[in-house]
């Protein structure tokens, strides 16, 4: 997949998930920093990131025609 295609999938995430995903995975903020920036708990930041990853796996598996269970084995 191209970077543009991956960015398009990230942009389809719900707003909270997308914000945390971008801050943590792309910008390199810690969950503690994200929690302070967004006014949420550190646990909420971690949960939002985990859920964002789950959504991305689901979208990627659908787009690539891979069963979600098999995604980790092929990634």
PDB file of N, CA and C in Angstrom:
ATOM      1  N   UNK A   1       0.844  -1.185   0.000  1.00  0.00           N
ATOM      2  CA  UNK A   1       0.000   0.000   0.000  1.00  0.00           C
ATOM      3  C   UNK A   1       0.884   1.241   0.000  1.00  0.00           C
ATOM      4  N   UNK A   2       0.386   2.270  -0.606  1.00  0.00           N
ATOM      5  CA  UNK A   2       1.130   3.522  -0.630  1.00  0.00           C
ATOM      6  C   UNK A   2       0.881   4.302   0.663  1.00  0.00           C
ATOM      7  N   UNK A   3       1.733   5.265   0.914  1.00  0.00           N
ATOM      8  CA  UNK A   3       1.565   6.117   2.094  1.00  0.00           C
ATOM      9  C   UNK A   3       0.236   6.869   2.027  1.00  0.00           C
ATOM     10  N   UNK A   4      -0.155   7.273   0.835  1.00  0.00           N
ATOM     11  CA  UNK A   4      -1.422   7.990   0.674  1.00  0.00           C
ATOM     12  C   UNK A   4      -2.611   7.099   1.033  1.00  0.00           C
ATOM     13  N   UNK A   5      -2.536   5.824   0.657  1.00  0.00           N
ATOM     14  CA  UNK A   5      -3.619   4.889   0.986  1.00  0.00           C
ATOM     15  C   UNK A   5      -3.699   4.643   2.489  1.00  0.00           C
ATOM     16  N   UNK A   6      -2.558   4.526   3.131  1.00  0.00           N
ATOM     17  CA  UNK A   6      -2.533   4.330   4.580  1.00  0.00           C
ATOM     18  C   UNK A   6      -3.056   5.571   5.291  1.00  0.00           C
ATOM     19  N   UNK A   7      -2.644   6.744   4.816  1.00  0.00           N
ATOM     20  CA  UNK A   7      -3.127   8.001   5.398  1.00  0.00           C
ATOM     21  C   UNK A   7      -4.640   8.110   5.260  1.00  0.00           C
ATOM     22  N   UNK A   8      -5.162   7.693   4.116  1.00  0.00           N
ATOM     23  CA  UNK A   8      -6.615   7.721   3.903  1.00  0.00           C
ATOM     24  C   UNK A   8      -7.331   6.842   4.930  1.00  0.00           C
ATOM     25  N   UNK A   9      -6.779   5.652   5.212  1.00  0.00           N
ATOM     26  CA  UNK A   9      -7.383   4.776   6.216  1.00  0.00           C
ATOM     27  C   UNK A   9      -7.317   5.403   7.604  1.00  0.00           C
ATOM     28  N   UNK A  10      -6.176   5.981   7.946  1.00  0.00           N
ATOM     29  CA  UNK A  10      -6.038   6.639   9.252  1.00  0.00           C
ATOM     30  C   UNK A  10      -7.063   7.759   9.382  1.00  0.00           C
ATOM     31  N   UNK A  11      -7.272   8.508   8.317  1.00  0.00           N
ATOM     32  CA  UNK A  11      -8.229   9.620   8.346  1.00  0.00           C
ATOM     33  C   UNK A  11      -9.667   9.163   8.485  1.00  0.00           C
ATOM     34  N   UNK A  12      -9.929   7.881   8.233  1.00  0.00           N
ATOM     35  CA  UNK A  12     -11.277   7.337   8.398  1.00  0.00           C
ATOM     36  C   UNK A  12     -11.569   6.906   9.828  1.00  0.00           C
ATOM     37  N   UNK A  13     -10.560   6.907  10.683  1.00  0.00           N
ATOM     38  CA  UNK A  13     -10.767   6.544  12.089  1.00  0.00           C
ATOM     39  C   UNK A  13     -11.652   7.580  12.764  1.00  0.00           C
ATOM     40  N   UNK A  14     -12.412   7.172  13.777  1.00  0.00           N
ATOM     41  CA  UNK A  14     -13.147   8.152  14.575  1.00  0.00           C
ATOM     42  C   UNK A  14     -12.167   9.192  15.134  1.00  0.00           C
ATOM     43  N   UNK A  15     -12.624  10.408  15.310  1.00  0.00           N
ATOM     44  CA  UNK A  15     -11.756  11.538  15.656  1.00  0.00           C
ATOM     45  C   UNK A  15     -10.829  11.278  16.846  1.00  0.00           C
ATOM     46  N   UNK A  16     -11.369  10.782  17.951  1.00  0.00           N
ATOM     47  CA  UNK A  16     -10.543  10.535  19.135  1.00  0.00           C
ATOM     48  C   UNK A  16      -9.466   9.495  18.881  1.00  0.00           C
ATOM     49  N   UNK A  17      -9.839   8.428  18.208  1.00  0.00           N
ATOM     50  CA  UNK A  17      -8.874   7.386  17.872  1.00  0.00           C
ATOM     51  C   UNK A  17      -7.779   7.955  16.983  1.00  0.00           C
ATOM     52  N   UNK A  18      -8.203   8.721  15.959  1.00  0.00           N
ATOM     53  CA  UNK A  18      -7.267   9.289  14.997  1.00  0.00           C
ATOM     54  C   UNK A  18      -6.282  10.245  15.669  1.00  0.00           C
ATOM     55  N   UNK A  19      -6.796  11.081  16.561  1.00  0.00           N
ATOM     56  CA  UNK A  19      -5.925  12.036  17.244  1.00  0.00           C
ATOM     57  C   UNK A  19      -4.855  11.320  18.064  1.00  0.00           C
ATOM     58  N   UNK A  20      -5.275  10.346  18.866  1.00  0.00           N
ATOM     59  CA  UNK A  20      -4.329   9.608  19.704  1.00  0.00           C
ATOM     60  C   UNK A  20      -3.359   8.819  18.836  1.00  0.00           C
ATOM     61  N   UNK A  21      -3.859   8.163  17.782  1.00  0.00           N
ATOM     62  CA  UNK A  21      -2.984   7.391  16.897  1.00  0.00           C
ATOM     63  C   UNK A  21      -1.914   8.286  16.286  1.00  0.00           C
ATOM     64  N   UNK A  22      -2.315   9.427  15.768  1.00  0.00           N
ATOM     65  CA  UNK A  22      -1.355  10.338  15.145  1.00  0.00           C
ATOM     66  C   UNK A  22      -0.342  10.870  16.158  1.00  0.00           C
ATOM     67  N   UNK A  23      -0.818  11.263  17.324  1.00  0.00           N
ATOM     68  CA  UNK A  23       0.095  11.802  18.334  1.00  0.00           C
ATOM     69  C   UNK A  23       1.087  10.755  18.820  1.00  0.00           C
ATOM     70  N   UNK A  24       0.624   9.524  19.024  1.00  0.00           N
ATOM     71  CA  UNK A  24       1.493   8.478  19.565  1.00  0.00           C
ATOM     72  C   UNK A  24       2.357   7.834  18.487  1.00  0.00           C
ATOM     73  N   UNK A  25       1.728   7.304  17.446  1.00  0.00           N
ATOM     74  CA  UNK A  25       2.448   6.507  16.449  1.00  0.00           C
ATOM     75  C   UNK A  25       3.232   7.347  15.450  1.00  0.00           C
ATOM     76  N   UNK A  26       2.736   8.530  15.144  1.00  0.00           N
ATOM     77  CA  UNK A  26       3.380   9.329  14.111  1.00  0.00           C
ATOM     78  C   UNK A  26       4.226  10.453  14.717  1.00  0.00           C
ATOM     79  N   UNK A  27       3.667  11.168  15.677  1.00  0.00           N
ATOM     80  CA  UNK A  27       4.378  12.299  16.266  1.00  0.00           C
ATOM     81  C   UNK A  27       5.325  11.910  17.399  1.00  0.00           C
ATOM     82  N   UNK A  28       5.121  10.741  17.988  1.00  0.00           N
ATOM     83  CA  UNK A  28       6.026  10.254  19.023  1.00  0.00           C
ATOM     84  C   UNK A  28       5.758  10.736  20.436  1.00  0.00           C
ATOM     85  N   UNK A  29       4.566  11.270  20.681  1.00  0.00           N
ATOM     86  CA  UNK A  29       4.209  11.687  22.037  1.00  0.00           C
ATOM     87  C   UNK A  29       4.016  10.464  22.920  1.00  0.00           C
ATOM     88  N   UNK A  30       4.220  10.637  24.215  1.00  0.00           N
ATOM     89  CA  UNK A  30       3.926   9.567  25.163  1.00  0.00           C
ATOM     90  C   UNK A  30       2.434   9.619  25.512  1.00  0.00           C
ATOM     91  N   UNK A  31       1.933   8.524  26.072  1.00  0.00           N
ATOM     92  CA  UNK A  31       0.527   8.530  26.491  1.00  0.00           C
ATOM     93  C   UNK A  31       0.301   9.557  27.600  1.00  0.00           C
ATOM     94  N   UNK A  32       1.303   9.771  28.418  1.00  0.00           N
ATOM     95  CA  UNK A  32       1.183  10.787  29.471  1.00  0.00           C
ATOM     96  C   UNK A  32       1.027  12.169  28.844  1.00  0.00           C
ATOM     97  N   UNK A  33       1.836  12.467  27.837  1.00  0.00           N
ATOM     98  CA  UNK A  33       1.737  13.761  27.155  1.00  0.00           C
ATOM     99  C   UNK A  33       0.393  13.923  26.448  1.00  0.00           C
ATOM    100  N   UNK A  34      -0.040  12.865  25.790  1.00  0.00           N
ATOM    101  CA  UNK A  34      -1.318  12.904  25.076  1.00  0.00           C
ATOM    102  C   UNK A  34      -2.460  13.148  26.055  1.00  0.00           C
ATOM    103  N   UNK A  35      -2.409  12.472  27.189  1.00  0.00           N
ATOM    104  CA  UNK A  35      -3.447  12.643  28.207  1.00  0.00           C
ATOM    105  C   UNK A  35      -3.526  14.097  28.656  1.00  0.00           C
ATOM    106  N   UNK A  36      -2.376  14.709  28.879  1.00  0.00           N
ATOM    107  CA  UNK A  36      -2.351  16.115  29.297  1.00  0.00           C
ATOM    108  C   UNK A  36      -2.871  17.030  28.193  1.00  0.00           C
ATOM    109  N   UNK A  37      -2.468  16.781  26.951  1.00  0.00           N
ATOM    110  CA  UNK A  37      -2.911  17.611  25.825  1.00  0.00           C
ATOM    111  C   UNK A  37      -4.412  17.531  25.599  1.00  0.00           C
ATOM    112  N   UNK A  38      -4.948  16.311  25.739  1.00  0.00           N
ATOM    113  CA  UNK A  38      -6.356  16.095  25.426  1.00  0.00           C
ATOM    114  C   UNK A  38      -7.277  16.197  26.638  1.00  0.00           C
ATOM    115  N   UNK A  39      -6.689  16.308  27.818  1.00  0.00           N
ATOM    116  CA  UNK A  39      -7.508  16.404  29.021  1.00  0.00           C
ATOM    117  C   UNK A  39      -8.213  15.103  29.372  1.00  0.00           C
ATOM    118  N   UNK A  40      -7.516  13.983  29.126  1.00  0.00           N
ATOM    119  CA  UNK A  40      -8.054  12.664  29.451  1.00  0.00           C
ATOM    120  C   UNK A  40      -7.034  11.932  30.315  1.00  0.00           C
ATOM    121  N   UNK A  41      -7.402  10.754  30.791  1.00  0.00           N
ATOM    122  CA  UNK A  41      -6.448   9.980  31.573  1.00  0.00           C
ATOM    123  C   UNK A  41      -5.460   9.273  30.645  1.00  0.00           C
ATOM    124  N   UNK A  42      -4.337   8.868  31.213  1.00  0.00           N
ATOM    125  CA  UNK A  42      -3.342   8.116  30.455  1.00  0.00           C
ATOM    126  C   UNK A  42      -3.941   6.790  29.968  1.00  0.00           C
ATOM    127  N   UNK A  43      -4.762   6.171  30.799  1.00  0.00           N
ATOM    128  CA  UNK A  43      -5.427   4.924  30.423  1.00  0.00           C
ATOM    129  C   UNK A  43      -6.356   5.112  29.232  1.00  0.00           C
ATOM    130  N   UNK A  44      -7.033   6.247  29.182  1.00  0.00           N
ATOM    131  CA  UNK A  44      -7.911   6.541  28.051  1.00  0.00           C
ATOM    132  C   UNK A  44      -7.094   6.677  26.777  1.00  0.00           C
ATOM    133  N   UNK A  45      -5.953   7.336  26.871  1.00  0.00           N
ATOM    134  CA  UNK A  45      -5.072   7.470  25.714  1.00  0.00           C
ATOM    135  C   UNK A  45      -4.636   6.092  25.209  1.00  0.00           C
ATOM    136  N   UNK A  46      -4.227   5.236  26.123  1.00  0.00           N
ATOM    137  CA  UNK A  46      -3.792   3.886  25.740  1.00  0.00           C
ATOM    138  C   UNK A  46      -4.941   3.097  25.121  1.00  0.00           C
ATOM    139  N   UNK A  47      -6.122   3.224  25.695  1.00  0.00           N
ATOM    140  CA  UNK A  47      -7.293   2.517  25.187  1.00  0.00           C
ATOM    141  C   UNK A  47      -7.659   3.009  23.794  1.00  0.00           C
ATOM    142  N   UNK A  48      -7.640   4.323  23.600  1.00  0.00           N
ATOM    143  CA  UNK A  48      -7.962   4.892  22.290  1.00  0.00           C
ATOM    144  C   UNK A  48      -6.959   4.423  21.238  1.00  0.00           C
ATOM    145  N   UNK A  49      -5.688   4.346  21.612  1.00  0.00           N
ATOM    146  CA  UNK A  49      -4.667   3.878  20.675  1.00  0.00           C
ATOM    147  C   UNK A  49      -4.902   2.413  20.311  1.00  0.00           C
ATOM    148  N   UNK A  50      -5.192   1.603  21.308  1.00  0.00           N
ATOM    149  CA  UNK A  50      -5.455   0.185  21.061  1.00  0.00           C
ATOM    150  C   UNK A  50      -6.664   0.007  20.146  1.00  0.00           C
ATOM    151  N   UNK A  51      -7.700   0.765  20.389  1.00  0.00           N
ATOM    152  CA  UNK A  51      -8.901   0.675  19.557  1.00  0.00           C
ATOM    153  C   UNK A  51      -8.622   1.169  18.141  1.00  0.00           C
ATOM    154  N   UNK A  52      -7.809   2.207  18.029  1.00  0.00           N
ATOM    155  CA  UNK A  52      -7.434   2.713  16.701  1.00  0.00           C
ATOM    156  C   UNK A  52      -6.705   1.629  15.911  1.00  0.00           C
ATOM    157  N   UNK A  53      -5.777   0.935  16.570  1.00  0.00           N
ATOM    158  CA  UNK A  53      -5.056  -0.147  15.894  1.00  0.00           C
ATOM    159  C   UNK A  53      -6.019  -1.236  15.451  1.00  0.00           C
ATOM    160  N   UNK A  54      -6.979  -1.572  16.300  1.00  0.00           N
ATOM    161  CA  UNK A  54      -7.973  -2.582  15.946  1.00  0.00           C
ATOM    162  C   UNK A  54      -8.790  -2.192  14.733  1.00  0.00           C
ATOM    163  N   UNK A  55      -9.197  -0.933  14.686  1.00  0.00           N
ATOM    164  CA  UNK A  55      -9.945  -0.448  13.528  1.00  0.00           C
ATOM    165  C   UNK A  55      -9.092  -0.495  12.268  1.00  0.00           C
ATOM    166  N   UNK A  56      -7.834  -0.108  12.383  1.00  0.00           N
ATOM    167  CA  UNK A  56      -6.952  -0.134  11.217  1.00  0.00           C
ATOM    168  C   UNK A  56      -6.750  -1.562  10.707  1.00  0.00           C
ATOM    169  N   UNK A  57      -6.571  -2.500  11.626  1.00  0.00           N
ATOM    170  CA  UNK A  57      -6.424  -3.907  11.228  1.00  0.00           C
ATOM    171  C   UNK A  57      -7.680  -4.366  10.492  1.00  0.00           C
ATOM    172  N   UNK A  58      -8.833  -4.006  10.997  1.00  0.00           N
ATOM    173  CA  UNK A  58     -10.085  -4.396  10.360  1.00  0.00           C
ATOM    174  C   UNK A  58     -10.185  -3.793   8.955  1.00  0.00           C
ATOM    175  N   UNK A  59      -9.885  -2.507   8.825  1.00  0.00           N
ATOM    176  CA  UNK A  59      -9.964  -1.857   7.517  1.00  0.00           C
ATOM    177  C   UNK A  59      -8.936  -2.433   6.543  1.00  0.00           C
ATOM    178  N   UNK A  60      -7.726  -2.666   7.027  1.00  0.00           N
ATOM    179  CA  UNK A  60      -6.694  -3.246   6.170  1.00  0.00           C
ATOM    180  C   UNK A  60      -7.050  -4.656   5.732  1.00  0.00           C
ATOM    181  N   UNK A  61      -7.555  -5.444   6.663  1.00  0.00           N
ATOM    182  CA  UNK A  61      -7.909  -6.821   6.314  1.00  0.00           C
ATOM    183  C   UNK A  61      -9.016  -6.851   5.274  1.00  0.00           C
ATOM    184  N   UNK A  62      -9.977  -5.947   5.391  1.00  0.00           N
ATOM    185  CA  UNK A  62     -11.054  -5.876   4.408  1.00  0.00           C
ATOM    186  C   UNK A  62     -10.515  -5.432   3.050  1.00  0.00           C
ATOM    187  N   UNK A  63      -9.671  -4.428   3.058  1.00  0.00           N
ATOM    188  CA  UNK A  63      -9.138  -3.895   1.816  1.00  0.00           C
ATOM    189  C   UNK A  63      -8.208  -4.890   1.115  1.00  0.00           C
ATOM    190  N   UNK A  64      -7.442  -5.634   1.900  1.00  0.00           N
ATOM    191  CA  UNK A  64      -6.476  -6.564   1.326  1.00  0.00           C
ATOM    192  C   UNK A  64      -7.035  -7.974   1.149  1.00  0.00           C
ATOM    193  N   UNK A  65      -8.264  -8.197   1.634  1.00  0.00           N
ATOM    194  CA  UNK A  65      -8.872  -9.509   1.507  1.00  0.00           C
ATOM    195  C   UNK A  65      -8.233 -10.561   2.395  1.00  0.00           C
ATOM    196  N   UNK A  66      -7.766 -10.147   3.553  1.00  0.00           N
ATOM    197  CA  UNK A  66      -7.140 -11.059   4.503  1.00  0.00           C
ATOM    198  C   UNK A  66      -8.064 -11.196   5.700  1.00  0.00           C
ATOM    199  N   UNK A  67      -8.245 -12.424   6.181  1.00  0.00           N
ATOM    200  CA  UNK A  67      -9.034 -12.621   7.395  1.00  0.00           C
ATOM    201  C   UNK A  67      -8.342 -11.922   8.552  1.00  0.00           C
ATOM    202  N   UNK A  68      -9.141 -11.274   9.398  1.00  0.00           N
ATOM    203  CA  UNK A  68      -8.580 -10.547  10.534  1.00  0.00           C
ATOM    204  C   UNK A  68      -7.707 -11.440  11.394  1.00  0.00           C
ATOM    205  N   UNK A  69      -8.094 -12.707  11.568  1.00  0.00           N
ATOM    206  CA  UNK A  69      -7.325 -13.642  12.398  1.00  0.00           C
ATOM    207  C   UNK A  69      -5.957 -13.921  11.793  1.00  0.00           C
ATOM    208  N   UNK A  70      -5.870 -13.855  10.463  1.00  0.00           N
ATOM    209  CA  UNK A  70      -4.622 -14.155   9.773  1.00  0.00           C
ATOM    210  C   UNK A  70      -3.730 -12.928   9.599  1.00  0.00           C
ATOM    211  N   UNK A  71      -4.239 -11.766   9.950  1.00  0.00           N
ATOM    212  CA  UNK A  71      -3.506 -10.522   9.685  1.00  0.00           C
ATOM    213  C   UNK A  71      -2.134 -10.507  10.348  1.00  0.00           C
ATOM    214  N   UNK A  72      -2.051 -10.859  11.615  1.00  0.00           N
ATOM    215  CA  UNK A  72      -0.776 -10.830  12.322  1.00  0.00           C
ATOM    216  C   UNK A  72       0.235 -11.798  11.719  1.00  0.00           C
ATOM    217  N   UNK A  73      -0.240 -12.923  11.233  1.00  0.00           N
ATOM    218  CA  UNK A  73       0.668 -13.914  10.651  1.00  0.00           C
ATOM    219  C   UNK A  73       1.275 -13.410   9.349  1.00  0.00           C
ATOM    220  N   UNK A  74       0.538 -12.576   8.612  1.00  0.00           N
ATOM    221  CA  UNK A  74       1.019 -12.082   7.317  1.00  0.00           C
ATOM    222  C   UNK A  74       1.689 -10.726   7.432  1.00  0.00           C
ATOM    223  N   UNK A  75       1.462 -10.006   8.501  1.00  0.00           N
ATOM    224  CA  UNK A  75       2.030  -8.657   8.635  1.00  0.00           C
ATOM    225  C   UNK A  75       3.453  -8.713   9.108  1.00  0.00           C
TER     226      UNK A  75
END
